[in-house]
């Protein structure tokens, strides 16, 4: 009888351990699914050097000069004053620098239907922005660039349902930009569909 009671205690102890283990895994999975501050994407991490980024992604397809302010005319004929536009460096301009592509702080990696842009701080030369830009939604899986459950094609309502209300919103004609500094995210929509997701070093 004493032996049976001992086995009974062990059984209930194992059952309790199993329950709390399951509860711990479920809690971990739930917390993991919540929106969180993003620091890495596509194998690269904010704060990395140019050498580290190039080691992971290779030589960029294009490099760009720092953006210059200009007046930008949108499809609806409205004008954005002092819009920042970057120009692509020519092969001759790249070769003129001893560091070649590494001399530039704005890099582009072309993918099928979208581009991955990376930007380095001009003072520290450390990675401070990773941007996924959708050029042609008809030829790619919209989920190729998924960050905090946000991917190409999501609507503003869906974004708010997932991430909550943004800290601020910028309206640029048909383009709307949602800013989430606590998550290191900037999300751009055109006609209420996401086309650009940025991981930005706010801190």
N, C-alpha and C. Protein backbone atom coordinates (compact mmCIF):
# COMPACT_ATOMS: atom_id res chain seq x y z
N UNK A 1 0.83 -1.22 0.00
CA UNK A 1 0.00 0.00 0.00
C UNK A 1 0.86 1.26 0.00
N UNK A 2 1.95 1.21 0.78
CA UNK A 2 2.88 2.35 0.83
C UNK A 2 3.52 2.56 -0.53
N UNK A 3 3.85 1.45 -1.22
CA UNK A 3 4.46 1.52 -2.55
C UNK A 3 3.51 2.17 -3.54
N UNK A 4 2.22 1.79 -3.46
CA UNK A 4 1.23 2.37 -4.37
C UNK A 4 1.10 3.87 -4.16
N UNK A 5 1.13 4.30 -2.89
CA UNK A 5 1.05 5.74 -2.60
C UNK A 5 2.27 6.47 -3.15
N UNK A 6 3.44 5.85 -3.09
CA UNK A 6 4.66 6.47 -3.61
C UNK A 6 4.56 6.65 -5.12
N UNK A 7 4.07 5.59 -5.79
CA UNK A 7 3.90 5.69 -7.25
C UNK A 7 2.87 6.75 -7.62
N UNK A 8 1.83 6.85 -6.79
CA UNK A 8 0.79 7.84 -7.04
C UNK A 8 1.35 9.25 -6.94
N UNK A 9 2.20 9.50 -5.93
CA UNK A 9 2.82 10.82 -5.77
C UNK A 9 3.72 11.16 -6.95
N UNK A 10 4.49 10.14 -7.39
CA UNK A 10 5.39 10.35 -8.54
C UNK A 10 4.58 10.66 -9.79
N UNK A 11 3.47 9.95 -9.97
CA UNK A 11 2.61 10.16 -11.15
C UNK A 11 2.08 11.59 -11.19
N UNK A 12 1.55 12.04 -10.04
CA UNK A 12 1.00 13.39 -10.00
C UNK A 12 2.09 14.46 -10.15
N UNK A 13 3.27 14.15 -9.64
CA UNK A 13 4.39 15.07 -9.78
C UNK A 13 4.79 15.21 -11.25
N UNK A 14 4.88 14.08 -11.93
CA UNK A 14 5.20 14.09 -13.37
C UNK A 14 4.12 14.79 -14.17
N UNK A 15 2.87 14.57 -13.80
CA UNK A 15 1.75 15.22 -14.48
C UNK A 15 1.82 16.74 -14.32
N UNK A 16 2.17 17.18 -13.09
CA UNK A 16 2.30 18.62 -12.83
C UNK A 16 3.45 19.21 -13.63
N UNK A 17 4.58 18.49 -13.67
CA UNK A 17 5.73 18.96 -14.45
C UNK A 17 5.39 19.06 -15.93
N UNK A 18 4.65 18.08 -16.43
CA UNK A 18 4.24 18.08 -17.84
C UNK A 18 3.33 19.26 -18.14
N UNK A 19 2.41 19.54 -17.21
CA UNK A 19 1.47 20.65 -17.39
C UNK A 19 2.21 21.98 -17.44
N UNK A 20 3.12 22.19 -16.49
CA UNK A 20 3.84 23.46 -16.44
C UNK A 20 4.82 23.60 -17.61
N UNK A 21 5.34 22.47 -18.08
CA UNK A 21 6.21 22.52 -19.25
C UNK A 21 5.41 22.96 -20.47
N UNK A 22 4.22 22.39 -20.63
CA UNK A 22 3.34 22.76 -21.74
C UNK A 22 2.94 24.23 -21.64
N UNK A 23 2.61 24.66 -20.41
CA UNK A 23 2.22 26.06 -20.19
C UNK A 23 3.37 26.99 -20.54
N UNK A 24 4.60 26.59 -20.17
CA UNK A 24 5.76 27.42 -20.48
C UNK A 24 6.00 27.55 -21.97
N UNK A 25 5.86 26.44 -22.69
CA UNK A 25 6.04 26.46 -24.15
C UNK A 25 4.96 27.32 -24.80
N UNK A 26 3.71 27.16 -24.35
CA UNK A 26 2.60 27.94 -24.91
C UNK A 26 2.80 29.43 -24.66
N UNK A 27 3.26 29.77 -23.44
CA UNK A 27 3.51 31.18 -23.11
C UNK A 27 4.63 31.75 -23.96
N UNK A 28 5.70 30.95 -24.14
CA UNK A 28 6.83 31.39 -24.97
C UNK A 28 6.38 31.64 -26.41
N UNK A 29 5.57 30.72 -26.96
CA UNK A 29 5.09 30.87 -28.33
C UNK A 29 4.21 32.10 -28.47
N UNK A 30 3.39 32.37 -27.44
CA UNK A 30 2.51 33.54 -27.48
C UNK A 30 3.32 34.83 -27.45
N UNK A 31 4.27 34.90 -26.51
CA UNK A 31 5.11 36.10 -26.39
C UNK A 31 5.91 36.31 -27.67
N UNK A 32 6.42 35.22 -28.25
CA UNK A 32 7.20 35.30 -29.48
C UNK A 32 6.39 35.84 -30.64
N UNK A 33 5.08 35.56 -30.64
CA UNK A 33 4.21 36.00 -31.73
C UNK A 33 3.81 37.47 -31.63
N UNK A 34 4.04 38.09 -30.46
CA UNK A 34 3.69 39.49 -30.28
C UNK A 34 4.64 40.40 -31.06
N UNK A 35 4.18 41.57 -31.48
CA UNK A 35 5.09 42.51 -32.15
C UNK A 35 6.27 42.85 -31.26
N UNK A 36 7.46 42.87 -31.82
CA UNK A 36 8.66 43.15 -31.03
C UNK A 36 9.61 44.03 -31.84
N UNK A 37 10.54 44.63 -31.13
CA UNK A 37 11.52 45.52 -31.78
C UNK A 37 12.43 44.71 -32.68
N UNK A 38 12.50 45.10 -33.94
CA UNK A 38 13.28 44.37 -34.95
C UNK A 38 14.68 44.99 -35.08
N UNK A 39 15.70 44.15 -35.07
CA UNK A 39 17.07 44.64 -35.28
C UNK A 39 17.76 43.91 -36.43
N UNK A 40 17.18 42.79 -36.88
CA UNK A 40 17.81 42.00 -37.94
C UNK A 40 16.80 41.63 -39.01
N UNK A 41 17.29 41.48 -40.24
CA UNK A 41 16.46 41.00 -41.34
C UNK A 41 17.38 40.54 -42.47
N UNK A 42 16.98 39.48 -43.16
CA UNK A 42 17.76 38.94 -44.28
C UNK A 42 19.20 38.60 -43.88
N UNK A 43 19.40 38.20 -42.62
CA UNK A 43 20.72 37.78 -42.17
C UNK A 43 21.66 38.90 -41.77
N UNK A 44 21.20 40.15 -41.83
CA UNK A 44 22.04 41.27 -41.42
C UNK A 44 21.39 42.01 -40.25
N UNK A 45 22.22 42.72 -39.48
CA UNK A 45 21.76 43.34 -38.23
C UNK A 45 22.16 44.81 -38.18
N UNK A 46 21.24 45.63 -37.70
CA UNK A 46 21.54 47.05 -37.52
C UNK A 46 22.80 47.22 -36.68
N UNK A 47 23.66 48.14 -37.10
CA UNK A 47 24.91 48.38 -36.39
C UNK A 47 26.10 47.66 -36.98
N UNK A 48 25.86 46.77 -37.96
CA UNK A 48 26.97 46.05 -38.58
C UNK A 48 27.78 46.95 -39.51
N UNK A 49 29.01 46.53 -39.78
CA UNK A 49 29.90 47.27 -40.69
C UNK A 49 29.60 46.89 -42.14
N UNK A 50 30.17 47.63 -43.06
CA UNK A 50 29.99 47.32 -44.48
C UNK A 50 30.59 45.96 -44.83
N UNK A 51 31.73 45.65 -44.21
CA UNK A 51 32.35 44.35 -44.46
C UNK A 51 31.44 43.20 -44.02
N UNK A 52 30.81 43.37 -42.86
CA UNK A 52 29.91 42.33 -42.34
C UNK A 52 28.69 42.15 -43.23
N UNK A 53 28.13 43.26 -43.71
CA UNK A 53 26.96 43.18 -44.59
C UNK A 53 27.34 42.54 -45.92
N UNK A 54 28.47 42.94 -46.47
CA UNK A 54 28.91 42.39 -47.75
C UNK A 54 29.24 40.90 -47.62
N UNK A 55 29.71 40.49 -46.46
CA UNK A 55 30.01 39.08 -46.24
C UNK A 55 28.73 38.25 -46.31
N UNK A 56 27.62 38.81 -45.81
CA UNK A 56 26.34 38.09 -45.81
C UNK A 56 25.60 38.20 -47.14
N UNK A 57 25.61 39.37 -47.75
CA UNK A 57 24.79 39.60 -48.94
C UNK A 57 25.56 39.67 -50.25
N UNK A 58 26.89 39.81 -50.16
CA UNK A 58 27.68 39.95 -51.37
C UNK A 58 27.79 41.40 -51.82
N UNK A 59 28.38 41.59 -52.99
CA UNK A 59 28.53 42.94 -53.56
C UNK A 59 27.17 43.42 -54.04
N UNK A 60 26.77 44.66 -53.70
CA UNK A 60 25.45 45.15 -54.13
C UNK A 60 25.36 45.30 -55.65
N UNK A 61 24.14 45.15 -56.18
CA UNK A 61 23.91 45.33 -57.62
C UNK A 61 24.07 46.78 -58.04
N UNK A 62 23.67 47.67 -57.14
CA UNK A 62 23.78 49.10 -57.40
C UNK A 62 24.15 49.82 -56.11
N UNK A 63 24.83 50.95 -56.26
CA UNK A 63 25.08 51.84 -55.13
C UNK A 63 24.58 53.23 -55.51
N UNK A 64 24.21 54.00 -54.51
CA UNK A 64 23.59 55.29 -54.77
C UNK A 64 24.29 56.40 -54.00
N UNK A 65 24.18 57.60 -54.56
CA UNK A 65 24.70 58.79 -53.89
C UNK A 65 23.71 59.22 -52.80
N UNK A 66 24.15 60.02 -51.82
CA UNK A 66 23.22 60.51 -50.79
C UNK A 66 22.05 61.25 -51.43
N UNK A 67 20.86 61.12 -50.87
CA UNK A 67 19.68 61.78 -51.46
C UNK A 67 19.80 63.29 -51.48
N UNK A 68 19.29 63.86 -52.54
CA UNK A 68 19.25 65.31 -52.70
C UNK A 68 17.80 65.78 -52.70
N UNK A 69 17.57 66.96 -52.16
CA UNK A 69 16.20 67.49 -52.12
C UNK A 69 15.74 67.98 -53.49
N UNK A 70 14.50 67.63 -53.85
CA UNK A 70 13.92 68.07 -55.10
C UNK A 70 12.40 68.10 -54.95
N UNK A 71 11.72 68.78 -55.87
CA UNK A 71 10.26 68.78 -55.87
C UNK A 71 9.77 67.59 -56.68
N UNK A 72 8.95 66.75 -56.07
CA UNK A 72 8.50 65.51 -56.70
C UNK A 72 7.02 65.62 -57.07
N UNK A 73 6.69 65.39 -58.35
CA UNK A 73 5.30 65.42 -58.82
C UNK A 73 4.74 64.00 -58.78
N UNK A 74 3.64 63.81 -58.05
CA UNK A 74 3.04 62.50 -57.88
C UNK A 74 2.00 62.23 -58.97
N UNK A 75 1.46 60.99 -58.98
CA UNK A 75 0.49 60.59 -60.00
C UNK A 75 -0.76 61.46 -59.98
N UNK A 76 -1.17 61.88 -58.77
CA UNK A 76 -2.38 62.71 -58.66
C UNK A 76 -2.09 64.19 -58.91
N UNK A 77 -0.89 64.47 -59.44
CA UNK A 77 -0.46 65.84 -59.80
C UNK A 77 -0.09 66.70 -58.60
N UNK A 78 -0.19 66.15 -57.40
CA UNK A 78 0.24 66.92 -56.23
C UNK A 78 1.77 66.93 -56.19
N UNK A 79 2.31 67.90 -55.48
CA UNK A 79 3.76 68.09 -55.44
C UNK A 79 4.28 67.93 -54.01
N UNK A 80 5.31 67.13 -53.88
CA UNK A 80 6.00 67.02 -52.59
C UNK A 80 7.25 67.88 -52.68
N UNK A 81 7.30 68.92 -51.87
CA UNK A 81 8.45 69.81 -51.88
C UNK A 81 9.58 69.25 -51.03
N UNK A 82 10.78 69.44 -51.51
CA UNK A 82 11.99 68.99 -50.79
C UNK A 82 12.00 67.48 -50.54
N UNK A 83 11.48 66.72 -51.51
CA UNK A 83 11.56 65.26 -51.41
C UNK A 83 13.00 64.83 -51.61
N UNK A 84 13.42 63.80 -50.88
CA UNK A 84 14.80 63.33 -50.98
C UNK A 84 14.90 62.20 -52.01
N UNK A 85 15.66 62.43 -53.07
CA UNK A 85 15.81 61.47 -54.16
C UNK A 85 17.29 61.11 -54.33
N UNK A 86 17.58 59.81 -54.39
CA UNK A 86 18.96 59.35 -54.60
C UNK A 86 19.18 58.98 -56.06
N UNK A 87 20.38 59.22 -56.55
CA UNK A 87 20.73 58.84 -57.92
C UNK A 87 21.72 57.67 -57.89
N UNK A 88 21.57 56.80 -58.89
CA UNK A 88 22.42 55.61 -58.96
C UNK A 88 23.79 55.98 -59.50
N UNK A 89 24.84 55.46 -58.89
CA UNK A 89 26.21 55.73 -59.34
C UNK A 89 26.52 54.89 -60.58
N UNK A 90 27.18 55.49 -61.53
CA UNK A 90 27.57 54.77 -62.75
C UNK A 90 28.80 53.89 -62.45
N UNK A 91 29.08 52.98 -63.36
CA UNK A 91 30.24 52.11 -63.19
C UNK A 91 31.53 52.94 -63.13
N UNK A 92 31.58 53.99 -63.93
CA UNK A 92 32.76 54.87 -63.95
C UNK A 92 32.93 55.58 -62.60
N UNK A 93 31.80 56.03 -62.03
CA UNK A 93 31.86 56.71 -60.73
C UNK A 93 32.27 55.75 -59.61
N UNK A 94 31.86 54.50 -59.72
CA UNK A 94 32.26 53.50 -58.73
C UNK A 94 33.75 53.21 -58.82
N UNK A 95 34.23 53.02 -60.05
CA UNK A 95 35.64 52.69 -60.27
C UNK A 95 36.57 53.83 -59.88
N UNK A 96 36.04 55.05 -59.84
CA UNK A 96 36.87 56.22 -59.49
C UNK A 96 37.25 56.23 -58.01
N UNK A 97 36.57 55.40 -57.20
CA UNK A 97 36.86 55.35 -55.77
C UNK A 97 37.67 54.10 -55.43
N UNK A 98 38.73 54.27 -54.65
CA UNK A 98 39.58 53.11 -54.31
C UNK A 98 38.83 52.02 -53.56
N UNK A 99 37.79 52.40 -52.81
CA UNK A 99 37.01 51.41 -52.06
C UNK A 99 35.87 50.82 -52.89
N UNK A 100 35.74 51.28 -54.14
CA UNK A 100 34.67 50.81 -55.03
C UNK A 100 33.30 50.98 -54.35
N UNK A 101 32.48 49.93 -54.33
CA UNK A 101 31.12 50.03 -53.78
C UNK A 101 31.10 50.42 -52.31
N UNK A 102 32.13 50.03 -51.58
CA UNK A 102 32.15 50.30 -50.14
C UNK A 102 32.28 51.79 -49.82
N UNK A 103 32.67 52.58 -50.81
CA UNK A 103 32.78 54.03 -50.57
C UNK A 103 31.39 54.64 -50.37
N UNK A 104 30.37 54.01 -50.96
CA UNK A 104 29.00 54.53 -50.91
C UNK A 104 28.27 54.03 -49.68
N UNK A 105 27.31 54.83 -49.22
CA UNK A 105 26.55 54.48 -48.01
C UNK A 105 25.15 53.94 -48.30
N UNK A 106 24.78 53.91 -49.58
CA UNK A 106 23.45 53.43 -49.97
C UNK A 106 23.61 52.31 -50.99
N UNK A 107 23.17 51.09 -50.61
CA UNK A 107 23.34 49.92 -51.48
C UNK A 107 21.99 49.32 -51.84
N UNK A 108 21.94 48.72 -53.03
CA UNK A 108 20.72 48.03 -53.46
C UNK A 108 21.05 46.62 -53.93
N UNK A 109 20.26 45.66 -53.43
CA UNK A 109 20.36 44.27 -53.86
C UNK A 109 19.06 43.92 -54.59
N UNK A 110 19.16 43.65 -55.88
CA UNK A 110 17.96 43.36 -56.68
C UNK A 110 17.54 41.91 -56.53
N UNK A 111 16.26 41.72 -56.24
CA UNK A 111 15.66 40.40 -56.14
C UNK A 111 14.58 40.29 -57.23
N UNK A 112 13.91 39.14 -57.28
CA UNK A 112 12.84 38.95 -58.26
C UNK A 112 11.60 39.73 -57.84
N UNK A 113 11.37 40.87 -58.49
CA UNK A 113 10.18 41.67 -58.21
C UNK A 113 10.31 42.67 -57.09
N UNK A 114 11.42 42.63 -56.36
CA UNK A 114 11.61 43.59 -55.27
C UNK A 114 13.10 43.84 -55.07
N UNK A 115 13.40 44.85 -54.27
CA UNK A 115 14.80 45.17 -53.95
C UNK A 115 14.99 45.28 -52.45
N UNK A 116 16.19 44.91 -52.02
CA UNK A 116 16.59 45.10 -50.63
C UNK A 116 17.59 46.25 -50.61
N UNK A 117 17.22 47.33 -49.95
CA UNK A 117 18.10 48.49 -49.81
C UNK A 117 18.71 48.49 -48.42
N UNK A 118 19.99 48.81 -48.34
CA UNK A 118 20.63 48.97 -47.03
C UNK A 118 21.32 50.33 -47.00
N UNK A 119 21.27 50.95 -45.85
CA UNK A 119 21.82 52.30 -45.70
C UNK A 119 22.75 52.34 -44.50
N UNK A 120 23.89 52.99 -44.66
CA UNK A 120 24.87 53.11 -43.58
C UNK A 120 24.93 54.55 -43.09
N UNK A 121 25.11 54.71 -41.79
CA UNK A 121 25.25 56.03 -41.21
C UNK A 121 26.48 56.71 -41.79
N UNK A 122 26.34 57.94 -42.26
CA UNK A 122 27.44 58.63 -42.93
C UNK A 122 28.60 58.93 -41.98
N UNK A 123 28.32 59.04 -40.67
CA UNK A 123 29.38 59.34 -39.71
C UNK A 123 30.06 58.07 -39.21
N UNK A 124 29.28 57.08 -38.78
CA UNK A 124 29.85 55.87 -38.18
C UNK A 124 30.12 54.77 -39.20
N UNK A 125 29.46 54.87 -40.37
CA UNK A 125 29.56 53.83 -41.42
C UNK A 125 28.98 52.49 -40.96
N UNK A 126 28.06 52.55 -40.00
CA UNK A 126 27.39 51.35 -39.52
C UNK A 126 25.98 51.26 -40.12
N UNK A 127 25.49 50.05 -40.29
CA UNK A 127 24.17 49.83 -40.88
C UNK A 127 23.08 50.43 -40.01
N UNK A 128 22.27 51.32 -40.59
CA UNK A 128 21.20 51.91 -39.79
C UNK A 128 19.82 51.78 -40.44
N UNK A 129 19.75 51.13 -41.61
CA UNK A 129 18.44 50.94 -42.24
C UNK A 129 18.47 49.76 -43.21
N UNK A 130 17.44 48.92 -43.14
CA UNK A 130 17.23 47.81 -44.08
C UNK A 130 15.83 48.00 -44.66
N UNK A 131 15.71 48.06 -45.97
CA UNK A 131 14.44 48.37 -46.60
C UNK A 131 14.08 47.34 -47.67
N UNK A 132 12.86 46.84 -47.58
CA UNK A 132 12.35 45.87 -48.56
C UNK A 132 11.32 46.60 -49.42
N UNK A 133 11.61 46.75 -50.72
CA UNK A 133 10.78 47.58 -51.61
C UNK A 133 10.21 46.72 -52.73
N UNK A 134 8.89 46.75 -52.87
CA UNK A 134 8.20 45.93 -53.87
C UNK A 134 7.97 46.71 -55.16
N UNK A 135 8.66 46.31 -56.24
CA UNK A 135 8.50 46.99 -57.52
C UNK A 135 7.38 46.37 -58.37
N UNK A 136 7.19 45.07 -58.25
CA UNK A 136 6.23 44.38 -59.11
C UNK A 136 5.49 43.30 -58.33
N UNK A 137 4.36 43.66 -57.70
CA UNK A 137 3.64 42.69 -56.86
C UNK A 137 3.06 41.51 -57.61
N UNK A 138 2.98 41.61 -58.93
CA UNK A 138 2.35 40.53 -59.71
C UNK A 138 3.25 39.31 -59.90
N UNK A 139 4.57 39.45 -59.64
CA UNK A 139 5.46 38.33 -59.94
C UNK A 139 6.14 37.73 -58.70
N UNK A 140 5.71 38.16 -57.50
CA UNK A 140 6.35 37.61 -56.30
C UNK A 140 5.31 37.20 -55.27
N UNK A 141 5.73 36.35 -54.37
CA UNK A 141 4.93 36.00 -53.21
C UNK A 141 4.95 37.20 -52.28
N UNK A 142 3.80 37.76 -51.92
CA UNK A 142 3.79 38.97 -51.07
C UNK A 142 4.45 38.77 -49.72
N UNK A 143 4.64 37.51 -49.30
CA UNK A 143 5.20 37.24 -47.98
C UNK A 143 6.72 37.11 -47.98
N UNK A 144 7.38 37.41 -49.13
CA UNK A 144 8.84 37.28 -49.18
C UNK A 144 9.53 38.20 -48.18
N UNK A 145 8.93 39.35 -47.92
CA UNK A 145 9.48 40.28 -46.93
C UNK A 145 8.47 40.41 -45.80
N UNK A 146 8.50 39.47 -44.87
CA UNK A 146 7.56 39.51 -43.75
C UNK A 146 8.32 39.89 -42.47
N UNK A 147 7.89 40.99 -41.87
CA UNK A 147 8.52 41.49 -40.65
C UNK A 147 7.41 41.78 -39.64
N UNK A 148 7.46 41.13 -38.48
CA UNK A 148 6.40 41.28 -37.48
C UNK A 148 5.02 41.02 -38.08
N UNK A 149 4.93 40.02 -38.94
CA UNK A 149 3.69 39.60 -39.62
C UNK A 149 3.18 40.61 -40.65
N UNK A 150 3.98 41.63 -40.93
CA UNK A 150 3.62 42.61 -41.96
C UNK A 150 4.35 42.24 -43.24
N UNK A 151 3.61 42.18 -44.35
CA UNK A 151 4.23 41.87 -45.64
C UNK A 151 3.57 42.70 -46.74
N UNK A 152 4.10 42.61 -47.94
CA UNK A 152 3.56 43.35 -49.08
C UNK A 152 2.06 43.07 -49.24
N UNK A 153 1.30 44.12 -49.55
CA UNK A 153 -0.13 43.96 -49.80
C UNK A 153 -1.03 44.15 -48.60
N UNK A 154 -0.47 44.14 -47.40
CA UNK A 154 -1.29 44.37 -46.21
C UNK A 154 -1.92 45.76 -46.27
N UNK A 155 -3.13 45.89 -45.72
CA UNK A 155 -3.82 47.18 -45.67
C UNK A 155 -3.49 47.90 -44.36
N UNK A 156 -3.84 49.17 -44.29
CA UNK A 156 -3.61 49.94 -43.05
C UNK A 156 -4.37 49.32 -41.89
N UNK A 157 -5.60 48.89 -42.14
CA UNK A 157 -6.41 48.28 -41.09
C UNK A 157 -5.75 47.00 -40.56
N UNK A 158 -5.24 46.19 -41.47
CA UNK A 158 -4.57 44.95 -41.05
C UNK A 158 -3.31 45.25 -40.23
N UNK A 159 -2.56 46.26 -40.65
CA UNK A 159 -1.34 46.64 -39.93
C UNK A 159 -1.67 47.05 -38.50
N UNK A 160 -2.69 47.89 -38.35
CA UNK A 160 -3.08 48.37 -37.02
C UNK A 160 -3.61 47.23 -36.16
N UNK A 161 -4.32 46.29 -36.78
CA UNK A 161 -4.80 45.11 -36.04
C UNK A 161 -3.63 44.30 -35.47
N UNK A 162 -2.52 44.27 -36.21
CA UNK A 162 -1.36 43.46 -35.82
C UNK A 162 -0.41 44.23 -34.89
N UNK A 163 -0.10 45.48 -35.27
CA UNK A 163 0.92 46.24 -34.55
C UNK A 163 0.36 47.30 -33.60
N UNK A 164 -0.92 47.60 -33.73
CA UNK A 164 -1.49 48.70 -32.97
C UNK A 164 -1.35 50.01 -33.74
N UNK A 165 -1.76 51.09 -33.14
CA UNK A 165 -1.70 52.38 -33.81
C UNK A 165 -0.26 52.87 -33.93
N UNK A 166 0.09 53.44 -35.09
CA UNK A 166 1.46 53.97 -35.25
C UNK A 166 1.68 55.21 -34.40
N UNK A 167 2.94 55.51 -34.11
CA UNK A 167 3.26 56.72 -33.35
C UNK A 167 2.94 57.97 -34.16
N UNK A 168 3.13 57.87 -35.48
CA UNK A 168 2.83 59.01 -36.35
C UNK A 168 2.56 58.50 -37.77
N UNK A 169 1.87 59.33 -38.55
CA UNK A 169 1.54 58.99 -39.95
C UNK A 169 1.93 60.17 -40.84
N UNK A 170 2.61 59.88 -41.94
CA UNK A 170 2.94 60.89 -42.94
C UNK A 170 2.11 60.62 -44.19
N UNK A 171 1.40 61.63 -44.66
CA UNK A 171 0.61 61.52 -45.88
C UNK A 171 1.31 62.23 -47.02
N UNK A 172 1.66 61.48 -48.06
CA UNK A 172 2.34 62.03 -49.23
C UNK A 172 1.53 61.67 -50.48
N UNK A 173 0.48 62.43 -50.73
CA UNK A 173 -0.38 62.13 -51.88
C UNK A 173 -1.09 60.80 -51.66
N UNK A 174 -0.91 59.87 -52.59
CA UNK A 174 -1.53 58.54 -52.47
C UNK A 174 -0.72 57.61 -51.56
N UNK A 175 0.45 58.07 -51.16
CA UNK A 175 1.32 57.26 -50.30
C UNK A 175 1.13 57.66 -48.83
N UNK A 176 1.02 56.64 -47.98
CA UNK A 176 0.89 56.87 -46.55
C UNK A 176 2.01 56.10 -45.85
N UNK A 177 2.65 56.77 -44.90
CA UNK A 177 3.78 56.16 -44.17
C UNK A 177 3.42 56.05 -42.69
N UNK A 178 3.48 54.82 -42.18
CA UNK A 178 3.19 54.56 -40.77
C UNK A 178 4.51 54.36 -40.03
N UNK A 179 4.72 55.13 -38.97
CA UNK A 179 5.97 55.08 -38.22
C UNK A 179 5.79 54.38 -36.88
N UNK A 180 6.62 53.35 -36.65
CA UNK A 180 6.61 52.58 -35.41
C UNK A 180 8.02 52.58 -34.82
N UNK A 181 8.47 53.70 -34.23
CA UNK A 181 9.84 53.77 -33.71
C UNK A 181 10.15 52.76 -32.62
N UNK A 182 9.16 52.40 -31.80
CA UNK A 182 9.42 51.42 -30.73
C UNK A 182 9.70 50.03 -31.30
N UNK A 183 9.26 49.78 -32.53
CA UNK A 183 9.49 48.49 -33.19
C UNK A 183 10.61 48.58 -34.23
N UNK A 184 11.18 49.77 -34.40
CA UNK A 184 12.20 50.01 -35.44
C UNK A 184 11.63 49.80 -36.85
N UNK A 185 10.36 50.13 -37.04
CA UNK A 185 9.71 49.87 -38.33
C UNK A 185 9.09 51.12 -38.94
N UNK A 186 9.21 51.22 -40.27
CA UNK A 186 8.53 52.23 -41.06
C UNK A 186 7.84 51.49 -42.20
N UNK A 187 6.53 51.70 -42.35
CA UNK A 187 5.75 50.95 -43.34
C UNK A 187 5.09 51.93 -44.30
N UNK A 188 5.32 51.74 -45.60
CA UNK A 188 4.76 52.62 -46.62
C UNK A 188 3.68 51.89 -47.40
N UNK A 189 2.56 52.59 -47.63
CA UNK A 189 1.45 52.03 -48.38
C UNK A 189 1.12 52.91 -49.58
N UNK A 190 0.75 52.28 -50.67
CA UNK A 190 0.25 52.99 -51.85
C UNK A 190 -1.13 52.44 -52.17
N UNK A 191 -2.13 53.31 -52.18
CA UNK A 191 -3.52 52.88 -52.39
C UNK A 191 -3.91 51.78 -51.41
N UNK A 192 -3.51 51.99 -50.16
CA UNK A 192 -3.83 51.11 -49.03
C UNK A 192 -3.25 49.71 -49.16
N UNK A 193 -2.10 49.59 -49.79
CA UNK A 193 -1.40 48.30 -49.87
C UNK A 193 0.08 48.52 -49.61
N UNK A 194 0.66 47.74 -48.70
CA UNK A 194 2.08 47.88 -48.34
C UNK A 194 2.97 47.58 -49.54
N UNK A 195 3.92 48.49 -49.80
CA UNK A 195 4.91 48.25 -50.86
C UNK A 195 6.35 48.42 -50.36
N UNK A 196 6.50 48.96 -49.16
CA UNK A 196 7.85 49.17 -48.62
C UNK A 196 7.83 48.98 -47.11
N UNK A 197 8.74 48.13 -46.61
CA UNK A 197 8.88 47.91 -45.18
C UNK A 197 10.33 48.18 -44.80
N UNK A 198 10.52 49.04 -43.81
CA UNK A 198 11.87 49.41 -43.40
C UNK A 198 12.13 48.99 -41.95
N UNK A 199 13.33 48.50 -41.72
CA UNK A 199 13.84 48.30 -40.36
C UNK A 199 14.85 49.41 -40.13
N UNK A 200 14.53 50.30 -39.22
CA UNK A 200 15.30 51.53 -39.06
C UNK A 200 15.83 51.67 -37.65
N UNK A 201 17.08 52.08 -37.54
CA UNK A 201 17.69 52.28 -36.24
C UNK A 201 17.29 53.65 -35.69
N UNK A 202 16.28 53.67 -34.84
CA UNK A 202 15.80 54.93 -34.25
C UNK A 202 16.66 55.34 -33.05
N UNK A 203 17.41 54.39 -32.48
CA UNK A 203 18.09 54.67 -31.21
C UNK A 203 19.59 54.70 -31.37
